[in-house]
Amino acid sequence: MTLIWLGALLVFVGVLQMAFQPIWRGRLSGTKRLRSGLDTLEPTAPGSGFGIRSNWPGLVLVAVGGASLLAAAVI
């Protein structure tokens, strides 16, 4: 029973880590200035998308959580 809860928690935390990675990475808005002198919300470059290099901790958590859920189902 404990293995099921641990697996579900690891999967949940891994998904949250991957979802919040763009927020933790830095500013979400661009640094362009409008003629009025205010910042614009338009990004300077398109979004980087899903990358293995930046999301590997979340992928590891999901994989370990999935393995523990699978092990709990077999037991």
PDB file of N, CA and C in Angstrom:
ATOM      1  N   MET A   1       0.822  -1.194   0.000  1.00  0.00           N
ATOM      2  CA  MET A   1       0.000   0.000   0.000  1.00  0.00           C
ATOM      3  C   MET A   1       0.864   1.255   0.000  1.00  0.00           C
ATOM      4  N   THR A   2       1.973   1.228   0.757  1.00  0.00           N
ATOM      5  CA  THR A   2       2.856   2.380   0.822  1.00  0.00           C
ATOM      6  C   THR A   2       3.536   2.616  -0.516  1.00  0.00           C
ATOM      7  N   LEU A   3       3.835   1.547  -1.238  1.00  0.00           N
ATOM      8  CA  LEU A   3       4.485   1.663  -2.536  1.00  0.00           C
ATOM      9  C   LEU A   3       3.581   2.355  -3.555  1.00  0.00           C
ATOM     10  N   ILE A   4       2.292   2.126  -3.434  1.00  0.00           N
ATOM     11  CA  ILE A   4       1.336   2.789  -4.322  1.00  0.00           C
ATOM     12  C   ILE A   4       1.326   4.287  -4.069  1.00  0.00           C
ATOM     13  N   TRP A   5       1.269   4.685  -2.810  1.00  0.00           N
ATOM     14  CA  TRP A   5       1.261   6.112  -2.474  1.00  0.00           C
ATOM     15  C   TRP A   5       2.566   6.784  -2.878  1.00  0.00           C
ATOM     16  N   LEU A   6       3.674   6.105  -2.684  1.00  0.00           N
ATOM     17  CA  LEU A   6       4.970   6.659  -3.068  1.00  0.00           C
ATOM     18  C   LEU A   6       5.042   6.839  -4.582  1.00  0.00           C
ATOM     19  N   GLY A   7       4.590   5.858  -5.327  1.00  0.00           N
ATOM     20  CA  GLY A   7       4.602   5.956  -6.783  1.00  0.00           C
ATOM     21  C   GLY A   7       3.712   7.072  -7.292  1.00  0.00           C
ATOM     22  N   ALA A   8       2.514   7.188  -6.730  1.00  0.00           N
ATOM     23  CA  ALA A   8       1.603   8.255  -7.148  1.00  0.00           C
ATOM     24  C   ALA A   8       2.177   9.627  -6.812  1.00  0.00           C
ATOM     25  N   LEU A   9       2.798   9.743  -5.658  1.00  0.00           N
ATOM     26  CA  LEU A   9       3.400  11.017  -5.261  1.00  0.00           C
ATOM     27  C   LEU A   9       4.562  11.387  -6.180  1.00  0.00           C
ATOM     28  N   LEU A  10       5.404  10.416  -6.523  1.00  0.00           N
ATOM     29  CA  LEU A  10       6.534  10.693  -7.410  1.00  0.00           C
ATOM     30  C   LEU A  10       6.070  11.102  -8.808  1.00  0.00           C
ATOM     31  N   VAL A  11       5.047  10.440  -9.326  1.00  0.00           N
ATOM     32  CA  VAL A  11       4.515  10.807 -10.638  1.00  0.00           C
ATOM     33  C   VAL A  11       3.930  12.220 -10.584  1.00  0.00           C
ATOM     34  N   PHE A  12       3.173  12.531  -9.554  1.00  0.00           N
ATOM     35  CA  PHE A  12       2.553  13.844  -9.415  1.00  0.00           C
ATOM     36  C   PHE A  12       3.606  14.946  -9.311  1.00  0.00           C
ATOM     37  N   VAL A  13       4.624  14.729  -8.494  1.00  0.00           N
ATOM     38  CA  VAL A  13       5.682  15.733  -8.328  1.00  0.00           C
ATOM     39  C   VAL A  13       6.474  15.895  -9.620  1.00  0.00           C
ATOM     40  N   GLY A  14       6.716  14.819 -10.342  1.00  0.00           N
ATOM     41  CA  GLY A  14       7.426  14.904 -11.609  1.00  0.00           C
ATOM     42  C   GLY A  14       6.656  15.700 -12.650  1.00  0.00           C
ATOM     43  N   VAL A  15       5.356  15.477 -12.726  1.00  0.00           N
ATOM     44  CA  VAL A  15       4.531  16.232 -13.672  1.00  0.00           C
ATOM     45  C   VAL A  15       4.494  17.705 -13.280  1.00  0.00           C
ATOM     46  N   LEU A  16       4.378  18.000 -12.000  1.00  0.00           N
ATOM     47  CA  LEU A  16       4.404  19.396 -11.555  1.00  0.00           C
ATOM     48  C   LEU A  16       5.738  20.062 -11.865  1.00  0.00           C
ATOM     49  N   GLN A  17       6.821  19.331 -11.678  1.00  0.00           N
ATOM     50  CA  GLN A  17       8.139  19.897 -11.950  1.00  0.00           C
ATOM     51  C   GLN A  17       8.271  20.237 -13.435  1.00  0.00           C
ATOM     52  N   MET A  18       7.774  19.367 -14.306  1.00  0.00           N
ATOM     53  CA  MET A  18       7.853  19.654 -15.736  1.00  0.00           C
ATOM     54  C   MET A  18       6.920  20.790 -16.140  1.00  0.00           C
ATOM     55  N   ALA A  19       5.778  20.918 -15.463  1.00  0.00           N
ATOM     56  CA  ALA A  19       4.837  21.985 -15.793  1.00  0.00           C
ATOM     57  C   ALA A  19       5.356  23.347 -15.356  1.00  0.00           C
ATOM     58  N   PHE A  20       6.033  23.422 -14.225  1.00  0.00           N
ATOM     59  CA  PHE A  20       6.504  24.703 -13.715  1.00  0.00           C
ATOM     60  C   PHE A  20       7.915  25.042 -14.163  1.00  0.00           C
ATOM     61  N   GLN A  21       8.561  24.175 -14.935  1.00  0.00           N
ATOM     62  CA  GLN A  21       9.923  24.439 -15.387  1.00  0.00           C
ATOM     63  C   GLN A  21      10.048  25.745 -16.174  1.00  0.00           C
ATOM     64  N   PRO A  22       9.135  26.075 -17.094  1.00  0.00           N
ATOM     65  CA  PRO A  22       9.269  27.356 -17.800  1.00  0.00           C
ATOM     66  C   PRO A  22       9.166  28.563 -16.866  1.00  0.00           C
ATOM     67  N   ILE A  23       8.397  28.442 -15.803  1.00  0.00           N
ATOM     68  CA  ILE A  23       8.256  29.551 -14.861  1.00  0.00           C
ATOM     69  C   ILE A  23       9.531  29.718 -14.060  1.00  0.00           C
ATOM     70  N   TRP A  24      10.144  28.607 -13.639  1.00  0.00           N
ATOM     71  CA  TRP A  24      11.369  28.671 -12.854  1.00  0.00           C
ATOM     72  C   TRP A  24      12.556  29.114 -13.699  1.00  0.00           C
ATOM     73  N   ARG A  25      12.474  28.930 -15.030  1.00  0.00           N
ATOM     74  CA  ARG A  25      13.580  29.229 -15.922  1.00  0.00           C
ATOM     75  C   ARG A  25      13.866  30.724 -16.003  1.00  0.00           C
ATOM     76  N   GLY A  26      12.893  31.565 -15.808  1.00  0.00           N
ATOM     77  CA  GLY A  26      13.153  33.004 -15.879  1.00  0.00           C
ATOM     78  C   GLY A  26      11.919  33.776 -16.269  1.00  0.00           C
ATOM     79  N   ARG A  27      12.152  34.940 -16.830  1.00  0.00           N
ATOM     80  CA  ARG A  27      11.057  35.822 -17.228  1.00  0.00           C
ATOM     81  C   ARG A  27      10.216  35.192 -18.313  1.00  0.00           C
ATOM     82  N   LEU A  28       8.932  35.402 -18.231  1.00  0.00           N
ATOM     83  CA  LEU A  28       8.035  34.878 -19.247  1.00  0.00           C
ATOM     84  C   LEU A  28       7.743  35.906 -20.324  1.00  0.00           C
ATOM     85  N   SER A  29       7.942  37.184 -20.032  1.00  0.00           N
ATOM     86  CA  SER A  29       7.673  38.204 -21.030  1.00  0.00           C
ATOM     87  C   SER A  29       8.983  38.703 -21.620  1.00  0.00           C
ATOM     88  N   GLY A  30       8.883  39.273 -22.795  1.00  0.00           N
ATOM     89  CA  GLY A  30      10.060  39.785 -23.479  1.00  0.00           C
ATOM     90  C   GLY A  30      10.524  41.098 -22.885  1.00  0.00           C
ATOM     91  N   THR A  31      11.639  41.590 -23.410  1.00  0.00           N
ATOM     92  CA  THR A  31      12.193  42.848 -22.922  1.00  0.00           C
ATOM     93  C   THR A  31      12.032  43.963 -23.938  1.00  0.00           C
ATOM     94  N   LYS A  32      11.168  43.767 -24.941  1.00  0.00           N
ATOM     95  CA  LYS A  32      10.935  44.809 -25.939  1.00  0.00           C
ATOM     96  C   LYS A  32      10.220  45.993 -25.285  1.00  0.00           C
ATOM     97  N   ARG A  33      10.550  47.177 -25.758  1.00  0.00           N
ATOM     98  CA  ARG A  33       9.886  48.387 -25.270  1.00  0.00           C
ATOM     99  C   ARG A  33       8.929  48.912 -26.337  1.00  0.00           C
ATOM    100  N   LEU A  34       7.781  49.355 -25.909  1.00  0.00           N
ATOM    101  CA  LEU A  34       6.844  50.006 -26.805  1.00  0.00           C
ATOM    102  C   LEU A  34       7.238  51.471 -26.951  1.00  0.00           C
ATOM    103  N   ARG A  35       6.626  52.148 -27.888  1.00  0.00           N
ATOM    104  CA  ARG A  35       6.904  53.577 -28.066  1.00  0.00           C
ATOM    105  C   ARG A  35       6.539  54.369 -26.827  1.00  0.00           C
ATOM    106  N   SER A  36       5.585  53.872 -26.082  1.00  0.00           N
ATOM    107  CA  SER A  36       5.171  54.567 -24.869  1.00  0.00           C
ATOM    108  C   SER A  36       6.145  54.321 -23.716  1.00  0.00           C
ATOM    109  N   GLY A  37       7.129  53.431 -23.917  1.00  0.00           N
ATOM    110  CA  GLY A  37       8.109  53.169 -22.875  1.00  0.00           C
ATOM    111  C   GLY A  37       7.760  52.016 -21.958  1.00  0.00           C
ATOM    112  N   LEU A  38       6.629  51.381 -22.206  1.00  0.00           N
ATOM    113  CA  LEU A  38       6.208  50.266 -21.356  1.00  0.00           C
ATOM    114  C   LEU A  38       6.707  48.945 -21.935  1.00  0.00           C
ATOM    115  N   ASP A  39       6.888  47.969 -21.076  1.00  0.00           N
ATOM    116  CA  ASP A  39       7.271  46.630 -21.530  1.00  0.00           C
ATOM    117  C   ASP A  39       6.114  45.984 -22.272  1.00  0.00           C
ATOM    118  N   THR A  40       6.443  45.160 -23.233  1.00  0.00           N
ATOM    119  CA  THR A  40       5.443  44.391 -23.954  1.00  0.00           C
ATOM    120  C   THR A  40       5.451  42.949 -23.455  1.00  0.00           C
ATOM    121  N   LEU A  41       4.346  42.275 -23.600  1.00  0.00           N
ATOM    122  CA  LEU A  41       4.266  40.881 -23.178  1.00  0.00           C
ATOM    123  C   LEU A  41       4.662  39.917 -24.287  1.00  0.00           C
ATOM    124  N   GLU A  42       4.979  40.447 -25.461  1.00  0.00           N
ATOM    125  CA  GLU A  42       5.379  39.600 -26.575  1.00  0.00           C
ATOM    126  C   GLU A  42       6.786  39.056 -26.332  1.00  0.00           C
ATOM    127  N   PRO A  43       6.965  37.743 -26.393  1.00  0.00           N
ATOM    128  CA  PRO A  43       8.300  37.194 -26.159  1.00  0.00           C
ATOM    129  C   PRO A  43       9.252  37.540 -27.296  1.00  0.00           C
ATOM    130  N   THR A  44      10.537  37.643 -26.981  1.00  0.00           N
ATOM    131  CA  THR A  44      11.526  37.964 -28.006  1.00  0.00           C
ATOM    132  C   THR A  44      11.818  36.769 -28.893  1.00  0.00           C
ATOM    133  N   ALA A  45      11.676  35.558 -28.368  1.00  0.00           N
ATOM    134  CA  ALA A  45      11.901  34.341 -29.138  1.00  0.00           C
ATOM    135  C   ALA A  45      10.758  33.378 -28.864  1.00  0.00           C
ATOM    136  N   PRO A  46      10.460  32.483 -29.810  1.00  0.00           N
ATOM    137  CA  PRO A  46       9.398  31.505 -29.548  1.00  0.00           C
ATOM    138  C   PRO A  46       9.763  30.592 -28.387  1.00  0.00           C
ATOM    139  N   GLY A  47       8.761  30.003 -27.787  1.00  0.00           N
ATOM    140  CA  GLY A  47       8.979  29.118 -26.648  1.00  0.00           C
ATOM    141  C   GLY A  47       9.905  27.964 -26.988  1.00  0.00           C
ATOM    142  N   SER A  48      10.658  27.542 -26.003  1.00  0.00           N
ATOM    143  CA  SER A  48      11.636  26.488 -26.251  1.00  0.00           C
ATOM    144  C   SER A  48      10.984  25.116 -26.342  1.00  0.00           C
ATOM    145  N   GLY A  49       9.750  24.984 -25.890  1.00  0.00           N
ATOM    146  CA  GLY A  49       9.072  23.695 -25.967  1.00  0.00           C
ATOM    147  C   GLY A  49       9.585  22.724 -24.919  1.00  0.00           C
ATOM    148  N   PHE A  50       9.350  21.452 -25.175  1.00  0.00           N
ATOM    149  CA  PHE A  50       9.757  20.420 -24.236  1.00  0.00           C
ATOM    150  C   PHE A  50      11.173  19.982 -24.570  1.00  0.00           C
ATOM    151  N   GLY A  51      12.051  20.104 -23.606  1.00  0.00           N
ATOM    152  CA  GLY A  51      13.433  19.699 -23.825  1.00  0.00           C
ATOM    153  C   GLY A  51      13.875  18.706 -22.771  1.00  0.00           C
ATOM    154  N   ILE A  52      14.616  17.698 -23.196  1.00  0.00           N
ATOM    155  CA  ILE A  52      15.105  16.690 -22.261  1.00  0.00           C
ATOM    156  C   ILE A  52      16.097  17.311 -21.289  1.00  0.00           C
ATOM    157  N   ARG A  53      16.932  18.219 -21.794  1.00  0.00           N
ATOM    158  CA  ARG A  53      17.979  18.813 -20.968  1.00  0.00           C
ATOM    159  C   ARG A  53      17.400  19.580 -19.772  1.00  0.00           C
ATOM    160  N   SER A  54      16.308  20.290 -19.973  1.00  0.00           N
ATOM    161  CA  SER A  54      15.753  21.082 -18.873  1.00  0.00           C
ATOM    162  C   SER A  54      14.723  20.316 -18.042  1.00  0.00           C
ATOM    163  N   ASN A  55      14.175  19.243 -18.569  1.00  0.00           N
ATOM    164  CA  ASN A  55      13.113  18.515 -17.861  1.00  0.00           C
ATOM    165  C   ASN A  55      13.530  17.150 -17.352  1.00  0.00           C
ATOM    166  N   TRP A  56      14.810  16.842 -17.337  1.00  0.00           N
ATOM    167  CA  TRP A  56      15.221  15.493 -16.938  1.00  0.00           C
ATOM    168  C   TRP A  56      14.877  15.155 -15.487  1.00  0.00           C
ATOM    169  N   PRO A  57      14.906  16.100 -14.534  1.00  0.00           N
ATOM    170  CA  PRO A  57      14.512  15.692 -13.169  1.00  0.00           C
ATOM    171  C   PRO A  57      13.050  15.239 -13.092  1.00  0.00           C
ATOM    172  N   GLY A  58      12.166  15.932 -13.794  1.00  0.00           N
ATOM    173  CA  GLY A  58      10.763  15.539 -13.804  1.00  0.00           C
ATOM    174  C   GLY A  58      10.545  14.212 -14.488  1.00  0.00           C
ATOM    175  N   LEU A  59      11.288  13.966 -15.573  1.00  0.00           N
ATOM    176  CA  LEU A  59      11.171  12.684 -16.267  1.00  0.00           C
ATOM    177  C   LEU A  59      11.656  11.537 -15.399  1.00  0.00           C
ATOM    178  N   VAL A  60      12.723  11.760 -14.646  1.00  0.00           N
ATOM    179  CA  VAL A  60      13.226  10.714 -13.743  1.00  0.00           C
ATOM    180  C   VAL A  60      12.207  10.422 -12.652  1.00  0.00           C
ATOM    181  N   LEU A  61      11.604  11.470 -12.089  1.00  0.00           N
ATOM    182  CA  LEU A  61      10.600  11.263 -11.039  1.00  0.00           C
ATOM    183  C   LEU A  61       9.397  10.485 -11.570  1.00  0.00           C
ATOM    184  N   VAL A  62       8.947  10.829 -12.775  1.00  0.00           N
ATOM    185  CA  VAL A  62       7.805  10.118 -13.363  1.00  0.00           C
ATOM    186  C   VAL A  62       8.170   8.661 -13.644  1.00  0.00           C
ATOM    187  N   ALA A  63       9.387   8.419 -14.137  1.00  0.00           N
ATOM    188  CA  ALA A  63       9.809   7.044 -14.436  1.00  0.00           C
ATOM    189  C   ALA A  63       9.920   6.206 -13.169  1.00  0.00           C
ATOM    190  N   VAL A  64      10.512   6.763 -12.103  1.00  0.00           N
ATOM    191  CA  VAL A  64      10.637   6.022 -10.848  1.00  0.00           C
ATOM    192  C   VAL A  64       9.256   5.793 -10.226  1.00  0.00           C
ATOM    193  N   GLY A  65       8.397   6.802 -10.306  1.00  0.00           N
ATOM    194  CA  GLY A  65       7.036   6.644  -9.782  1.00  0.00           C
ATOM    195  C   GLY A  65       6.255   5.595 -10.549  1.00  0.00           C
ATOM    196  N   GLY A  66       6.399   5.601 -11.881  1.00  0.00           N
ATOM    197  CA  GLY A  66       5.720   4.588 -12.695  1.00  0.00           C
ATOM    198  C   GLY A  66       6.241   3.187 -12.405  1.00  0.00           C
ATOM    199  N   ALA A  67       7.549   3.072 -12.194  1.00  0.00           N
ATOM    200  CA  ALA A  67       8.122   1.757 -11.869  1.00  0.00           C
ATOM    201  C   ALA A  67       7.622   1.258 -10.524  1.00  0.00           C
ATOM    202  N   SER A  68       7.501   2.157  -9.554  1.00  0.00           N
ATOM    203  CA  SER A  68       7.002   1.715  -8.248  1.00  0.00           C
ATOM    204  C   SER A  68       5.519   1.364  -8.307  1.00  0.00           C
ATOM    205  N   LEU A  69       4.746   2.071  -9.119  1.00  0.00           N
ATOM    206  CA  LEU A  69       3.342   1.704  -9.291  1.00  0.00           C
ATOM    207  C   LEU A  69       3.215   0.351  -9.980  1.00  0.00           C
ATOM    208  N   LEU A  70       4.061   0.111 -10.962  1.00  0.00           N
ATOM    209  CA  LEU A  70       4.058  -1.180 -11.642  1.00  0.00           C
ATOM    210  C   LEU A  70       4.471  -2.306 -10.700  1.00  0.00           C
ATOM    211  N   ALA A  71       5.475  -2.035  -9.858  1.00  0.00           N
ATOM    212  CA  ALA A  71       5.912  -3.040  -8.885  1.00  0.00           C
ATOM    213  C   ALA A  71       4.814  -3.323  -7.867  1.00  0.00           C
ATOM    214  N   ALA A  72       4.083  -2.293  -7.469  1.00  0.00           N
ATOM    215  CA  ALA A  72       2.995  -2.496  -6.510  1.00  0.00           C
ATOM    216  C   ALA A  72       1.853  -3.280  -7.131  1.00  0.00           C
ATOM    217  N   ALA A  73       1.635  -3.098  -8.426  1.00  0.00           N
ATOM    218  CA  ALA A  73       0.575  -3.848  -9.098  1.00  0.00           C
ATOM    219  C   ALA A  73       0.943  -5.329  -9.233  1.00  0.00           C
ATOM    220  N   VAL A  74       2.228  -5.620  -9.380  1.00  0.00           N
ATOM    221  CA  VAL A  74       2.672  -7.006  -9.543  1.00  0.00           C
ATOM    222  C   VAL A  74       2.635  -7.742  -8.199  1.00  0.00           C
ATOM    223  N   ILE A  75       2.975  -7.023  -7.143  1.00  0.00           N
ATOM    224  CA  ILE A  75       3.035  -7.644  -5.810  1.00  0.00           C
ATOM    225  C   ILE A  75       1.662  -8.018  -5.314  1.00  0.00           C
TER     226      ILE A  75
END
